Amino acid sequence: AEALKTNTSLTELNLSRSLSHNPLTTFSAPRAPPTLCKLGIADCKLLRLPPFLADVSTDFELECKDNPLVFPPRSVCDLGVEVIRSYLRQTRQGQLQLQRSRLLLLGDGG
């Protein structure tokens, strides 16, 4: 993670399991180099996306499919980088209001 913060020429980082055969379970770098414009973390075992995604540029490319993500939720990740950025920013600022609903069905099922 330290090398990631200090590297000033890195533009792409591909840690996808299909390429490295190394299942990545955590990615906790607090910041990415300002030159990073593409991150591949598909098909790993990540539960959380790295927090620095809240600060990436609008043209940043992210490949994060096939991870058992819980934060941000898969429904957010499926909407793309811009929605992920917004979600992470709002969460960091404590502004995100989670809305959940419950549906209770009663009856004999027949």
Protein backbone atom coordinates (compact mmCIF):
# COMPACT_ATOMS: atom_id res chain seq x y z
CA ALA A 1 0.00 0.00 0.00
CA GLU A 2 2.88 2.39 0.77
CA ALA A 3 4.38 1.87 -2.70
CA LEU A 4 1.00 2.64 -4.24
CA LYS A 5 0.85 6.02 -2.47
CA THR A 6 4.35 7.11 -3.50
CA ASN A 7 4.32 5.93 -7.13
CA THR A 8 3.81 8.99 -9.30
CA SER A 9 3.81 7.37 -12.72
CA LEU A 10 1.42 4.43 -12.30
CA THR A 11 -1.55 4.75 -14.65
CA GLU A 12 -2.99 1.22 -14.58
CA LEU A 13 -3.10 -1.41 -11.87
CA ASN A 14 -4.56 -4.83 -12.63
CA LEU A 15 -4.89 -7.14 -9.63
CA SER A 16 -7.65 -9.27 -11.09
CA ARG A 17 -7.47 -12.87 -9.97
CA SER A 18 -7.73 -14.20 -13.50
CA LEU A 19 -4.38 -12.58 -14.30
CA SER A 20 -2.43 -13.03 -11.08
CA HIS A 21 -3.88 -16.27 -9.65
CA ASN A 22 -3.63 -14.49 -6.31
CA PRO A 23 -7.03 -14.03 -4.65
CA LEU A 24 -7.07 -10.52 -3.24
CA THR A 25 -9.16 -10.27 -0.08
CA THR A 26 -8.32 -6.74 1.09
CA PHE A 27 -7.25 -3.55 -0.59
CA SER A 28 -6.79 -0.89 2.03
CA ALA A 29 -4.64 1.79 0.36
CA PRO A 30 -5.98 5.12 1.66
CA ARG A 31 -4.86 7.01 -1.46
CA ALA A 32 -3.90 6.20 -5.01
CA PRO A 33 -1.34 8.02 -7.11
CA PRO A 34 -2.93 10.96 -8.93
CA THR A 35 -1.86 9.40 -12.23
CA LEU A 36 -3.86 6.19 -11.67
CA CYS A 37 -6.70 6.07 -14.18
CA LYS A 38 -7.59 2.36 -14.30
CA LEU A 39 -7.95 -0.28 -11.59
CA GLY A 40 -8.72 -3.93 -12.26
CA ILE A 41 -9.81 -5.90 -9.20
CA ALA A 42 -12.25 -8.32 -10.80
CA ASP A 43 -12.75 -11.90 -9.66
CA CYS A 44 -11.09 -11.50 -6.28
CA LYS A 45 -12.52 -12.05 -2.82
CA LEU A 46 -12.96 -8.38 -1.94
CA LEU A 47 -15.69 -7.46 0.52
CA ARG A 48 -14.97 -3.70 0.46
CA LEU A 49 -13.77 -1.38 -2.26
CA PRO A 50 -10.78 0.84 -1.40
CA PRO A 51 -11.70 4.20 0.15
CA PHE A 52 -9.62 6.20 -2.33
CA LEU A 53 -12.26 5.53 -5.00
CA ALA A 54 -14.20 8.44 -3.48
CA ASP A 55 -11.51 10.76 -4.84
CA VAL A 56 -10.79 9.40 -8.32
CA SER A 57 -11.35 11.46 -11.46
CA THR A 58 -14.56 11.27 -13.47
CA ASP A 59 -12.84 9.35 -16.28
CA PHE A 60 -11.44 6.68 -13.92
CA GLU A 61 -12.02 3.09 -15.07
CA LEU A 62 -12.86 0.38 -12.54
CA GLU A 63 -13.35 -3.33 -13.13
CA CYS A 64 -14.69 -4.93 -9.94
CA LYS A 65 -17.12 -7.62 -11.10
CA ASP A 66 -17.28 -11.05 -9.47
CA ASN A 67 -16.39 -9.94 -5.94
CA PRO A 68 -18.56 -10.70 -2.89
CA LEU A 69 -18.83 -6.97 -2.12
CA VAL A 70 -20.78 -5.74 0.87
CA PHE A 71 -19.48 -2.15 0.86
CA PRO A 72 -20.55 -0.48 -1.27
CA PRO A 73 -23.44 -2.83 -1.90
CA ARG A 74 -23.48 -4.68 -5.21
CA SER A 75 -26.51 -2.62 -6.29
CA VAL A 76 -24.36 0.54 -6.05
CA CYS A 77 -21.34 -1.03 -7.78
CA ASP A 78 -23.47 -2.17 -10.70
CA LEU A 79 -24.29 1.48 -11.48
CA GLY A 80 -20.69 2.47 -12.25
CA VAL A 81 -17.77 4.51 -10.98
CA GLU A 82 -19.64 7.81 -10.67
CA VAL A 83 -22.28 6.28 -8.37
CA ILE A 84 -19.58 4.45 -6.37
CA ARG A 85 -17.69 7.75 -5.94
CA SER A 86 -20.81 9.53 -4.77
CA TYR A 87 -21.73 6.72 -2.37
CA LEU A 88 -18.24 6.62 -0.83
CA ARG A 89 -18.12 10.42 -0.47
CA GLN A 90 -21.51 10.56 1.20
CA THR A 91 -20.57 7.70 3.51
CA ARG A 92 -17.27 9.38 4.43
CA GLN A 93 -19.11 12.60 5.25
CA GLY A 94 -21.83 10.80 7.21
CA GLN A 95 -24.51 12.07 4.84
CA LEU A 96 -25.73 8.80 3.43
CA GLN A 97 -29.15 7.78 4.60
CA LEU A 98 -29.80 4.12 4.11
CA GLN A 99 -33.36 3.35 3.22
CA ARG A 100 -34.62 -0.13 3.79
CA SER A 101 -38.05 -1.61 3.58
CA ARG A 102 -39.53 -4.81 4.88
CA LEU A 103 -42.39 -6.73 3.42
CA LEU A 104 -44.27 -9.14 5.60
CA LEU A 105 -46.60 -11.60 3.89
CA LEU A 106 -49.24 -13.37 5.93
CA GLY A 107 -51.39 -16.23 4.86
CA ASP A 108 -51.45 -19.97 4.51
CA GLY A 109 -49.52 -20.03 1.22
CA GLY A 110 -52.21 -21.99 -0.54
